[in-house]
Amino acid sequence: MLKHSLRWLTGLGAAGALVAASATPAVAAATIEPYFQDTTLAVGSTATTRTLFLYADEPMVLTDVSVRYDYRSLATKVTVAPADGQECTAPEPGILVCEEPEDVALHELPPIGSGTYRNATKQVRLGLTEDAQLGDSGDIAVSFLAAGGQRGSYTSQVRVGEGVDLAGGPYTTVSSKPGGKFSAPLAVANTGDTTVSGFVAVFDLAYSIRTKDRFSNCRYSDDHLVSCQFDEEIPVGTGLVATLNLELGKDTYAPTNQSGHAQFMTTADFEDLTRVREAVGARAATPGSGPKLTLSAAPGMMRQAAQTDVGPGNDYTGWIIKATGTNGTDLAAIGATLKGRAGAVVTATVGFRNNGPATLDKVNQDYEAATHTTVELPPGSTAVEVPDNCQLRPGTRTYQCASEMLLVAGQTYTMKFRLRIDKVIPNARGAVRVNAPCECPGGGSFQDDIKPANDRATIVVNAAQSGGGQGDGDGDGGGGGGGSLPITGAPTTLIAGIGALLLVTGLGCCLLARRRSRFFA
């Protein structure tokens, strides 16, 4: 079972897959958890690639890594072959052992400071033999061994099904003001040569996109649509369409373009993808209690055989929603007031608050922060512990900190700096600045703050006791409460979306390349 935490998903944006996750247990130190996705293979189709993913809660480098694939339960039905040129041996039928040609370094997943690290071994190709028949199934146990005794295993399911080809409808564009309602078509077609019997639409919607509908065959997290499952048949060469009634949240930033997407999957492919949700401690999103969301064709009988999409790449549709009007964001810096003797270590809780009225949503495939905050240390103090998302600017006493990608209106985003007071200097002042300049690959900080006057706050150590003047700075920067503010971030009820889930399972690269991602955890 996967035990790794999905902390990196928290606060990334709204989206869609059949999971809504709260906090999950962290991995024990130096523990590595592997994951190898379930697979449904179509009779007569080409082999598909799969990858063993390794997760940990600390960075590490694995050396002398070997991976063992045990598919003896399907030895006469399935083939497993190297796909990346690594050296592999087959000591017996149904066993493949591959040596990694290089060290495997586990890197941190976005955003900065996520606390979850991942990398992958070389790919293998899973195919079918001539003996494979519709309905065959079995397990493939994948294990790894590295120098120093690091090891782990994961067992996934392989099924033999029939191939189909789902295709999404064209992209459409609509307009709405924040808080307004709009309709979007959900269109899917069968472009293969086999009738599709049942499918799932998995939604990847911007945080701003909400719905009040509660269809019984759909699942939701609060007002966010997560997925819909249909038992309708789609005959070859035909398509189905439904209408989604959606709305933009009142906290939508405007003017902007908000995006939404749906990916269509066969029922079996969806099961292959989402079995991991239970392993990582996710809970199922809530099904609706209203009528079914129906398409234009009457539902047909379900086939007994599993189906898999053998023509991926055209199985998605999407919408651009032009958010009209003006709705901006005010980020207000939060400072701190500290006191201590020489040698004491004190905690400065600093950051900013999104005073709204709009949520700042910068979730995209670049994994760039929505804004950046600088923290300048007061004279006479030294940082002995800093947040993972902060880095010291060379040659300065100033740390630059990356924010989350989704900054929800009304929420406070703070960090803890542990400072040692080296020398007592009355009224020693540092500074906190939100929306600080940043020469970042994906762009700098938020530059359209509607109230820039409160972007700066102070950190005061050993404030002078005389009233007024230098001694009365409390460093709240308009945010209120300084270091006593509660440490909060994204909403407590969050969505693990298809973009996030695909990244967990390692399938997100091609999807992220074709759309602006939105996901929660």
Protein backbone atom coordinates (compact mmCIF):
# COMPACT_ATOMS: atom_id res chain seq x y z
CA MET A 1 0.00 0.00 0.00
CA LEU A 2 1.16 3.50 -0.73
CA LYS A 3 1.71 5.34 2.53
CA HIS A 4 3.25 8.52 1.19
CA SER A 5 1.62 11.83 1.97
CA LEU A 6 0.04 13.85 -0.83
CA ARG A 7 0.90 17.12 0.89
CA TRP A 8 2.17 18.50 -2.42
CA LEU A 9 -1.36 18.50 -3.79
CA THR A 10 -2.70 20.75 -1.05
CA GLY A 11 -3.72 24.13 -2.36
CA LEU A 12 -2.92 23.58 -6.02
CA GLY A 13 -6.35 24.33 -7.50
CA ALA A 14 -9.70 22.75 -8.29
CA ALA A 15 -10.13 19.92 -10.68
CA GLY A 16 -11.51 16.41 -11.14
CA ALA A 17 -10.90 12.71 -10.55
CA LEU A 18 -12.97 10.55 -8.27
CA VAL A 19 -11.17 11.48 -5.08
CA ALA A 20 -11.34 14.14 -2.40
CA ALA A 21 -8.43 13.83 -0.01
CA SER A 22 -7.68 15.27 3.37
CA ALA A 23 -4.35 14.88 5.11
CA THR A 24 -2.78 11.44 4.75
CA PRO A 25 -0.12 9.88 6.95
CA ALA A 26 3.44 10.90 6.20
CA VAL A 27 5.99 8.33 5.19
CA ALA A 28 8.36 7.10 7.87
CA ALA A 29 11.89 8.43 7.48
CA ALA A 30 13.92 6.82 4.70
CA THR A 31 10.95 4.72 3.55
CA ILE A 32 10.33 4.47 -0.18
CA GLU A 33 6.90 3.52 -1.50
CA PRO A 34 6.60 2.18 -5.07
CA TYR A 35 3.58 2.44 -7.37
CA PHE A 36 2.87 0.64 -10.66
CA GLN A 37 -0.44 1.41 -12.36
CA ASP A 38 -3.08 -1.20 -13.18
CA THR A 39 -3.41 -1.93 -16.90
CA THR A 40 -6.11 -3.13 -19.28
CA LEU A 41 -4.67 -4.39 -22.58
CA ALA A 42 -6.71 -4.75 -25.74
CA VAL A 43 -6.57 -7.86 -27.86
CA GLY A 44 -4.82 -6.99 -31.13
CA SER A 45 -3.44 -3.65 -29.94
CA THR A 46 0.19 -2.57 -29.60
CA ALA A 47 2.03 -2.82 -26.30
CA THR A 48 1.69 -0.02 -23.75
CA THR A 49 4.41 1.50 -21.57
CA ARG A 50 4.33 1.49 -17.78
CA THR A 51 6.72 2.90 -15.20
CA LEU A 52 7.55 2.07 -11.61
CA PHE A 53 7.31 5.27 -9.57
CA LEU A 54 9.10 5.68 -6.25
CA TYR A 55 7.90 8.06 -3.53
CA ALA A 56 9.55 9.25 -0.32
CA ASP A 57 9.23 12.10 2.17
CA GLU A 58 12.87 13.14 1.94
CA PRO A 59 15.31 13.59 -0.93
CA MET A 60 17.60 10.67 -1.61
CA VAL A 61 19.68 9.04 -4.30
CA LEU A 62 19.37 5.31 -4.93
CA THR A 63 22.34 3.45 -6.37
CA ASP A 64 22.62 0.00 -7.92
CA VAL A 65 18.88 -0.17 -8.47
CA SER A 66 17.33 -3.32 -9.92
CA VAL A 67 13.66 -3.83 -10.68
CA ARG A 68 11.95 -7.24 -10.78
CA TYR A 69 8.71 -7.84 -12.67
CA ASP A 70 6.91 -11.02 -11.65
CA TYR A 71 4.04 -11.81 -14.02
CA ARG A 72 4.01 -15.59 -13.70
CA SER A 73 0.23 -15.62 -13.26
CA LEU A 74 0.07 -14.33 -16.83
CA ALA A 75 3.27 -15.81 -18.24
CA THR A 76 1.59 -17.25 -21.33
CA LYS A 77 -0.70 -14.28 -21.83
CA VAL A 78 1.42 -11.17 -21.26
CA THR A 79 4.87 -10.00 -22.32
CA VAL A 80 7.03 -7.56 -20.35
CA ALA A 81 10.01 -6.09 -22.19
CA PRO A 82 12.41 -3.19 -21.56
CA ALA A 83 11.49 0.07 -23.28
CA ASP A 84 14.41 2.32 -22.41
CA GLY A 85 17.42 0.22 -23.33
CA GLN A 86 18.29 -0.94 -19.83
CA GLU A 87 19.94 -4.30 -19.28
CA CYS A 88 17.38 -6.97 -18.39
CA THR A 89 17.43 -10.71 -17.87
CA ALA A 90 14.69 -13.34 -17.74
CA PRO A 91 15.82 -15.94 -15.18
CA GLU A 92 12.59 -17.93 -15.69
CA PRO A 93 9.33 -17.60 -17.62
CA GLY A 94 7.22 -14.77 -16.23
CA ILE A 95 10.15 -13.00 -14.53
CA LEU A 96 12.05 -9.98 -15.85
CA VAL A 97 14.87 -8.34 -13.88
CA CYS A 98 16.20 -4.97 -15.09
CA GLU A 99 19.22 -3.02 -13.88
CA GLU A 100 18.96 0.75 -13.83
CA PRO A 101 21.88 2.20 -15.85
CA GLU A 102 22.17 5.27 -13.59
CA ASP A 103 21.44 6.33 -10.05
CA VAL A 104 17.80 7.20 -9.32
CA ALA A 105 17.51 10.58 -7.54
CA LEU A 106 14.19 11.31 -5.85
CA HIS A 107 13.28 14.95 -6.44
CA GLU A 108 10.72 17.11 -4.69
CA LEU A 109 7.35 17.40 -6.35
CA PRO A 110 5.92 20.89 -6.93
CA PRO A 111 5.26 23.27 -5.35
CA ILE A 112 8.47 24.18 -3.52
CA GLY A 113 8.36 22.83 0.00
CA SER A 114 5.84 20.10 -0.80
CA GLY A 115 7.72 17.54 1.28
CA THR A 116 7.05 14.70 -1.17
CA TYR A 117 9.75 13.34 -3.45
CA ARG A 118 9.42 11.15 -6.51
CA ASN A 119 11.24 9.69 -9.46
CA ALA A 120 10.76 6.78 -11.82
CA THR A 121 12.72 3.83 -13.06
CA LYS A 122 13.08 3.02 -16.75
CA GLN A 123 9.93 2.06 -18.59
CA VAL A 124 8.83 -1.38 -19.66
CA ARG A 125 6.35 -2.35 -22.35
CA LEU A 126 3.39 -4.56 -21.54
CA GLY A 127 1.89 -6.52 -24.41
CA LEU A 128 -0.24 -9.58 -25.10
CA THR A 129 0.70 -12.94 -26.56
CA GLU A 130 -1.34 -14.82 -29.14
CA ASP A 131 -2.72 -16.95 -26.32
CA ALA A 132 -4.33 -13.99 -24.56
CA GLN A 133 -8.10 -14.08 -24.60
CA LEU A 134 -10.79 -11.59 -23.74
CA GLY A 135 -11.45 -11.71 -20.00
CA ASP A 136 -8.03 -13.01 -18.92
CA SER A 137 -6.61 -11.29 -15.84
CA GLY A 138 -3.80 -11.65 -13.36
CA ASP A 139 -1.28 -9.74 -11.26
CA ILE A 140 2.13 -8.29 -11.87
CA ALA A 141 4.27 -7.86 -8.78
CA VAL A 142 6.91 -5.16 -9.25
CA SER A 143 9.71 -4.84 -6.70
CA PHE A 144 12.93 -2.87 -6.48
CA LEU A 145 16.20 -3.36 -4.62
CA ALA A 146 18.91 -0.73 -4.13
CA ALA A 147 22.27 -0.51 -2.40
CA GLY A 148 22.02 -0.27 1.37
CA GLY A 149 19.04 -2.59 1.54
CA GLN A 150 16.40 -0.15 0.28
CA ARG A 151 13.56 -2.19 -1.15
CA GLY A 152 9.83 -2.22 -1.76
CA SER A 153 7.11 -3.82 -3.88
CA TYR A 154 3.71 -3.12 -5.39
CA THR A 155 1.23 -5.50 -7.00
CA SER A 156 -0.97 -4.24 -9.82
CA GLN A 157 -3.67 -5.86 -11.91
CA VAL A 158 -3.50 -6.66 -15.63
CA ARG A 159 -6.67 -7.40 -17.58
CA VAL A 160 -7.33 -8.38 -21.19
CA GLY A 161 -10.15 -6.39 -22.77
CA GLU A 162 -11.40 -5.07 -26.06
CA GLY A 163 -10.19 -1.85 -27.66
CA VAL A 164 -12.36 1.19 -28.29
CA ASP A 165 -11.65 4.81 -29.22
CA LEU A 166 -13.41 7.65 -27.39
CA ALA A 167 -13.14 11.20 -28.71
CA GLY A 168 -14.14 14.45 -27.03
CA GLY A 169 -16.10 17.22 -28.68
CA PRO A 170 -14.63 20.54 -29.85
CA TYR A 171 -13.52 23.22 -27.42
CA THR A 172 -16.04 25.99 -26.79
CA THR A 173 -15.87 29.51 -25.38
CA VAL A 174 -18.46 31.20 -23.16
CA SER A 175 -18.57 34.34 -21.01
CA SER A 176 -19.75 35.05 -17.48
CA LYS A 177 -19.18 37.59 -14.75
CA PRO A 178 -18.01 36.44 -11.29
CA GLY A 179 -20.99 34.83 -9.62
CA GLY A 180 -22.73 34.34 -12.97
CA LYS A 181 -24.13 31.16 -14.51
CA PHE A 182 -23.30 29.57 -17.86
CA SER A 183 -23.86 26.32 -19.77
CA ALA A 184 -21.24 24.10 -21.38
CA PRO A 185 -21.70 21.13 -23.73
CA LEU A 186 -20.31 17.74 -22.73
CA ALA A 187 -19.83 15.90 -26.02
CA VAL A 188 -18.24 12.52 -26.71
CA ALA A 189 -18.04 10.34 -29.83
CA ASN A 190 -17.03 6.79 -30.73
CA THR A 191 -14.39 6.99 -33.46
CA GLY A 192 -13.34 3.35 -33.24
CA ASP A 193 -14.80 0.18 -34.74
CA THR A 194 -16.31 -1.30 -31.57
CA THR A 195 -19.39 -0.15 -29.64
CA VAL A 196 -18.46 1.63 -26.41
CA SER A 197 -20.35 0.20 -23.44
CA GLY A 198 -20.17 2.60 -20.54
CA PHE A 199 -17.63 5.34 -19.90
CA VAL A 200 -16.59 8.00 -17.41
CA ALA A 201 -16.15 11.76 -17.82
CA VAL A 202 -13.47 13.04 -15.44
CA PHE A 203 -13.42 16.79 -14.92
CA ASP A 204 -10.46 19.08 -14.47
CA LEU A 205 -12.07 22.41 -13.67
CA ALA A 206 -10.62 25.68 -12.47
CA TYR A 207 -11.16 26.46 -8.80
CA SER A 208 -13.55 29.20 -9.91
CA ILE A 209 -15.94 26.81 -11.73
CA ARG A 210 -18.78 25.56 -9.49
CA THR A 211 -22.11 23.77 -9.87
CA LYS A 212 -25.31 23.49 -7.86
CA ASP A 213 -26.50 20.35 -9.69
CA ARG A 214 -26.28 17.05 -7.87
CA PHE A 215 -26.77 14.28 -10.43
CA SER A 216 -26.88 10.79 -8.99
CA ASN A 217 -24.34 9.44 -11.50
CA CYS A 218 -21.86 12.23 -10.76
CA ARG A 219 -19.59 12.91 -7.81
CA TYR A 220 -18.80 16.20 -6.14
CA SER A 221 -16.58 17.86 -3.60
CA ASP A 222 -18.53 20.78 -2.18
CA ASP A 223 -19.62 22.75 -5.25
CA HIS A 224 -16.99 21.25 -7.57
CA LEU A 225 -17.90 18.63 -10.15
CA VAL A 226 -15.46 15.73 -10.01
CA SER A 227 -16.67 12.97 -12.36
CA CYS A 228 -19.73 11.44 -14.01
CA GLN A 229 -20.20 7.78 -14.91
CA PHE A 230 -22.48 6.69 -17.75
CA ASP A 231 -23.77 3.27 -18.73
CA GLU A 232 -24.96 4.39 -22.17
CA GLU A 233 -23.67 2.61 -25.25
CA ILE A 234 -22.10 4.64 -28.04
CA PRO A 235 -22.42 2.84 -31.38
CA VAL A 236 -19.58 3.16 -33.87
CA GLY A 237 -19.57 6.51 -35.63
CA THR A 238 -22.06 8.19 -33.29
CA GLY A 239 -21.82 10.69 -30.47
CA LEU A 240 -23.64 11.77 -27.33
CA VAL A 241 -24.03 15.17 -25.69
CA ALA A 242 -25.28 16.58 -22.40
CA THR A 243 -25.47 20.11 -21.04
CA LEU A 244 -23.61 21.13 -17.90
CA ASN A 245 -25.04 24.02 -15.89
CA LEU A 246 -22.10 25.72 -14.19
CA GLU A 247 -21.26 29.04 -12.59
CA LEU A 248 -18.25 31.15 -11.68
CA GLY A 249 -17.54 31.74 -8.00
CA LYS A 250 -18.01 35.26 -6.72
CA ASP A 251 -14.29 35.27 -5.88
CA THR A 252 -13.22 34.70 -9.51
CA TYR A 253 -10.47 37.06 -10.60
CA ALA A 254 -11.63 39.23 -13.49
CA PRO A 255 -11.02 39.89 -16.23
CA THR A 256 -9.39 36.49 -16.86
CA ASN A 257 -9.87 33.37 -18.92
CA GLN A 258 -10.88 30.41 -16.77
CA SER A 259 -10.52 26.91 -18.19
CA GLY A 260 -12.18 23.57 -17.75
CA HIS A 261 -11.60 20.17 -19.28
CA ALA A 262 -13.12 16.72 -19.29
CA GLN A 263 -11.34 13.51 -20.19
CA PHE A 264 -13.36 10.51 -21.31
CA MET A 265 -12.24 7.09 -20.16
CA THR A 266 -13.60 3.58 -20.46
CA THR A 267 -14.83 2.20 -17.17
CA ALA A 268 -11.87 -0.18 -17.00
CA ASP A 269 -9.29 2.54 -17.74
CA PHE A 270 -10.83 4.68 -15.01
CA GLU A 271 -10.61 1.79 -12.56
CA ASP A 272 -6.97 1.22 -13.55
CA LEU A 273 -6.15 4.85 -12.89
CA THR A 274 -8.04 5.42 -9.65
CA ARG A 275 -7.42 2.31 -7.58
CA VAL A 276 -4.49 4.23 -6.08
CA ARG A 277 -6.88 6.69 -4.45
CA GLU A 278 -7.71 4.24 -1.69
CA ALA A 279 -4.07 3.34 -1.22
CA VAL A 280 -3.11 6.94 -0.46
CA GLY A 281 -5.88 7.41 2.06
CA ALA A 282 -8.29 9.39 -0.12
CA ARG A 283 -12.01 9.30 0.44
CA ALA A 284 -14.56 9.02 -2.34
CA ALA A 285 -16.18 12.23 -3.50
CA THR A 286 -19.87 12.53 -2.68
CA PRO A 287 -22.42 11.21 -5.19
CA GLY A 288 -25.38 13.44 -5.99
CA SER A 289 -28.89 12.65 -4.79
CA GLY A 290 -30.80 14.11 -7.73
CA PRO A 291 -31.77 12.67 -11.13
CA LYS A 292 -29.21 11.16 -13.51
CA LEU A 293 -27.29 13.31 -15.93
CA THR A 294 -28.41 11.85 -19.24
CA LEU A 295 -27.01 12.03 -22.74
CA SER A 296 -28.87 12.10 -26.03
CA ALA A 297 -28.95 8.28 -26.51
CA ALA A 298 -30.83 5.73 -24.46
CA PRO A 299 -28.66 3.65 -22.09
CA GLY A 300 -27.62 0.24 -23.38
CA MET A 301 -26.66 -3.05 -21.81
CA MET A 302 -23.21 -3.29 -20.26
CA ARG A 303 -20.75 -5.72 -21.85
CA GLN A 304 -19.04 -8.27 -19.63
CA ALA A 305 -15.59 -7.66 -21.11
CA ALA A 306 -13.43 -4.77 -19.95
CA GLN A 307 -12.67 -2.09 -22.52
CA THR A 308 -9.63 0.12 -22.96
CA ASP A 309 -9.09 3.20 -25.11
CA VAL A 310 -6.55 2.29 -27.78
CA GLY A 311 -6.57 5.77 -29.36
CA PRO A 312 -5.70 8.16 -26.51
CA GLY A 313 -4.94 11.77 -27.33
CA ASN A 314 -8.36 12.77 -28.65
CA ASP A 315 -10.37 11.69 -25.63
CA TYR A 316 -10.84 15.11 -24.03
CA THR A 317 -12.89 18.25 -24.48
CA GLY A 318 -12.68 21.66 -22.88
CA TRP A 319 -14.12 25.08 -22.33
CA ILE A 320 -12.76 28.61 -22.00
CA ILE A 321 -14.85 30.83 -19.76
CA LYS A 322 -14.16 34.52 -20.17
CA ALA A 323 -14.63 36.09 -16.74
CA THR A 324 -15.89 39.59 -17.46
CA GLY A 325 -15.94 42.71 -15.34
CA THR A 326 -13.37 43.74 -12.72
CA ASN A 327 -12.61 41.75 -9.57
CA GLY A 328 -9.14 42.13 -8.10
CA THR A 329 -7.00 40.91 -5.21
CA ASP A 330 -5.37 42.60 -2.22
CA LEU A 331 -2.50 40.72 -0.61
CA ALA A 332 -1.51 42.30 2.72
CA ALA A 333 1.84 41.53 4.37
CA ILE A 334 1.97 40.18 7.93
CA GLY A 335 4.92 41.01 10.17
CA ALA A 336 5.76 40.10 13.75
CA THR A 337 6.83 41.59 17.08
CA LEU A 338 9.43 39.54 18.99
CA LYS A 339 11.24 39.82 22.30
CA GLY A 340 14.16 37.92 23.83
CA ARG A 341 17.54 37.99 25.50
CA ALA A 342 20.83 37.50 23.74
CA GLY A 343 21.16 33.83 22.78
CA ALA A 344 17.41 33.21 22.83
CA VAL A 345 15.68 31.61 19.85
CA VAL A 346 12.32 33.13 18.97
CA THR A 347 9.74 32.34 16.29
CA ALA A 348 8.59 34.91 13.76
CA THR A 349 5.31 33.91 12.10
CA VAL A 350 5.12 36.08 9.00
CA GLY A 351 3.50 36.04 5.58
CA PHE A 352 0.39 37.61 4.09
CA ARG A 353 -3.39 37.48 3.89
CA ASN A 354 -5.53 37.52 0.78
CA ASN A 355 -8.06 40.21 1.62
CA GLY A 356 -9.90 39.51 -1.62
CA PRO A 357 -12.33 40.07 -3.05
CA ALA A 358 -10.84 37.67 -5.63
CA THR A 359 -8.97 34.40 -5.22
CA LEU A 360 -5.58 34.49 -6.95
CA ASP A 361 -5.30 31.33 -9.03
CA LYS A 362 -2.01 30.75 -10.84
CA VAL A 363 -2.21 26.98 -11.14
CA ASN A 364 -0.67 25.92 -14.44
CA GLN A 365 1.79 23.50 -15.96
CA ASP A 366 4.77 25.69 -14.99
CA TYR A 367 4.27 25.11 -11.25
CA GLU A 368 5.13 28.75 -10.53
CA ALA A 369 4.11 30.44 -7.31
CA ALA A 370 1.23 32.94 -7.36
CA THR A 371 3.48 35.48 -5.70
CA HIS A 372 6.76 35.77 -3.79
CA THR A 373 7.47 37.17 -0.35
CA THR A 374 10.78 38.47 0.94
CA VAL A 375 11.73 38.34 4.60
CA GLU A 376 14.57 40.64 5.68
CA LEU A 377 16.03 39.66 9.06
CA PRO A 378 16.34 42.34 11.74
CA PRO A 379 19.91 43.30 12.67
CA GLY A 380 21.38 41.35 15.56
CA SER A 381 19.55 38.15 14.64
CA THR A 382 20.36 34.98 12.70
CA ALA A 383 17.95 32.52 11.12
CA VAL A 384 18.50 29.03 12.56
CA GLU A 385 15.47 27.45 10.88
CA VAL A 386 13.67 28.64 7.75
CA PRO A 387 10.72 27.28 5.74
CA ASP A 388 11.49 24.87 2.92
CA ASN A 389 10.02 27.26 0.36
CA CYS A 390 12.47 30.06 1.23
CA GLN A 391 15.99 30.68 -0.03
CA LEU A 392 18.58 33.21 1.09
CA ARG A 393 19.45 35.78 -1.51
CA PRO A 394 23.24 35.63 -1.99
CA GLY A 395 25.13 38.30 -0.11
CA THR A 396 22.08 39.54 1.80
CA ARG A 397 20.08 38.95 4.98
CA THR A 398 16.90 38.56 2.95
CA TYR A 399 15.07 35.32 2.19
CA GLN A 400 12.85 34.95 -0.84
CA CYS A 401 9.86 32.66 -0.38
CA ALA A 402 7.55 31.13 -2.99
CA SER A 403 3.85 31.04 -2.23
CA GLU A 404 1.34 28.38 -3.12
CA MET A 405 -0.22 28.58 -6.58
CA LEU A 406 -3.77 29.07 -5.31
CA LEU A 407 -4.36 31.92 -2.84
CA VAL A 408 -7.98 31.82 -1.71
CA ALA A 409 -9.76 35.04 -0.79
CA GLY A 410 -10.06 35.39 2.98
CA GLN A 411 -7.24 32.95 3.75
CA THR A 412 -4.00 33.66 5.60
CA TYR A 413 -0.66 32.23 4.40
CA THR A 414 2.09 32.34 7.00
CA MET A 415 5.55 30.83 7.59
CA LYS A 416 7.67 30.30 10.67
CA PHE A 417 11.22 31.64 10.90
CA ARG A 418 13.25 30.61 13.96
CA LEU A 419 15.58 33.48 14.81
CA ARG A 420 18.48 33.50 17.28
CA ILE A 421 19.00 36.84 18.95
CA ASP A 422 22.78 37.29 18.77
CA LYS A 423 22.77 40.81 20.16
CA VAL A 424 20.04 42.80 21.85
CA ILE A 425 19.44 45.88 19.71
CA PRO A 426 16.44 47.90 20.88
CA ASN A 427 13.81 48.26 18.19
CA ALA A 428 15.73 46.14 15.67
CA ARG A 429 13.64 46.11 12.50
CA GLY A 430 13.38 43.75 9.58
CA ALA A 431 10.75 43.65 6.87
CA VAL A 432 8.24 41.40 5.16
CA ARG A 433 7.24 42.26 1.60
CA VAL A 434 4.61 40.39 -0.36
CA ASN A 435 4.57 40.63 -4.17
CA ALA A 436 8.35 41.06 -4.08
CA PRO A 437 10.17 41.09 -7.44
CA CYS A 438 11.42 37.70 -8.59
CA GLU A 439 13.47 36.75 -11.63
CA CYS A 440 11.74 33.39 -11.95
CA PRO A 441 11.61 31.11 -15.03
CA GLY A 442 7.82 31.22 -15.23
CA GLY A 443 7.44 34.91 -14.37
CA GLY A 444 7.67 37.14 -11.35
CA SER A 445 5.31 38.03 -8.55
CA PHE A 446 1.74 39.30 -8.68
CA GLN A 447 1.93 42.85 -9.98
CA ASP A 448 -1.70 43.96 -10.00
CA ASP A 449 -2.40 44.17 -6.27
CA ILE A 450 -5.30 46.58 -5.75
CA LYS A 451 -3.85 47.96 -2.51
CA PRO A 452 -0.02 47.96 -2.75
CA ALA A 453 0.30 50.23 0.30
CA ASN A 454 -0.06 47.22 2.64
CA ASP A 455 2.38 44.99 0.76
CA ARG A 456 5.08 45.73 3.38
CA ALA A 457 5.12 44.96 7.11
CA THR A 458 7.84 45.02 9.76
CA ILE A 459 9.53 42.47 11.99
CA VAL A 460 10.47 44.16 15.26
CA VAL A 461 12.79 42.55 17.82
CA ASN A 462 12.87 44.01 21.33
CA ALA A 463 10.70 47.00 20.58
CA ALA A 464 11.50 50.12 22.57
CA GLN A 465 9.09 50.62 25.46
CA SER A 466 8.57 54.35 25.14
CA GLY A 467 5.24 55.15 23.51
CA GLY A 468 5.13 56.29 19.90
CA GLY A 469 7.90 56.71 17.38
CA GLN A 470 10.23 53.81 16.73
CA GLY A 471 8.96 51.70 19.54
CA ASP A 472 5.34 51.13 18.58
CA GLY A 473 5.66 49.15 15.37
CA ASP A 474 3.63 45.95 15.70
CA GLY A 475 4.38 44.74 12.18
CA ASP A 476 0.85 43.75 11.27
CA GLY A 477 1.04 45.54 7.93
CA GLY A 478 -2.73 45.88 7.87
CA GLY A 479 -3.10 42.12 8.10
CA GLY A 480 -3.99 42.21 11.78
CA GLY A 481 -2.55 40.23 14.65
CA GLY A 482 1.00 39.78 13.43
CA GLY A 483 2.51 36.50 14.56
CA SER A 484 -0.59 35.57 16.53
CA LEU A 485 -2.62 34.99 13.37
CA PRO A 486 -3.69 31.41 12.72
CA ILE A 487 -1.62 29.53 10.19
CA THR A 488 -3.97 28.67 7.39
CA GLY A 489 -3.74 27.93 3.73
CA ALA A 490 -6.11 26.44 1.18
CA PRO A 491 -9.61 25.36 2.20
CA THR A 492 -9.85 22.26 4.38
CA THR A 493 -12.11 20.43 1.91
CA LEU A 494 -10.03 19.96 -1.20
CA ILE A 495 -10.24 18.11 -4.48
CA ALA A 496 -7.68 15.72 -5.90
CA GLY A 497 -8.18 16.32 -9.59
CA ILE A 498 -7.41 14.39 -12.70
CA GLY A 499 -4.30 16.49 -13.29
CA ALA A 500 -3.02 15.77 -9.80
CA LEU A 501 -3.98 12.11 -9.95
CA LEU A 502 -2.27 11.70 -13.30
CA LEU A 503 0.84 13.24 -11.82
CA VAL A 504 0.67 10.88 -8.86
CA THR A 505 0.52 7.94 -11.22
CA GLY A 506 2.99 9.48 -13.65
CA LEU A 507 0.62 9.93 -16.57
CA GLY A 508 0.27 13.68 -16.46
CA CYS A 509 2.95 14.86 -18.89
CA CYS A 510 0.95 14.69 -22.12
CA LEU A 511 -2.22 15.96 -20.46
CA LEU A 512 -0.42 18.91 -18.90
CA ALA A 513 1.06 19.78 -22.28
CA ARG A 514 -2.38 20.29 -23.78
CA ARG A 515 -4.26 22.16 -21.12
CA ARG A 516 -3.98 24.49 -18.16
CA SER A 517 -4.17 22.25 -15.12
CA ARG A 518 -6.29 22.81 -12.03
CA PHE A 519 -6.05 20.53 -9.05
CA PHE A 520 -6.57 20.25 -5.32
CA ALA A 521 -5.64 17.70 -2.77
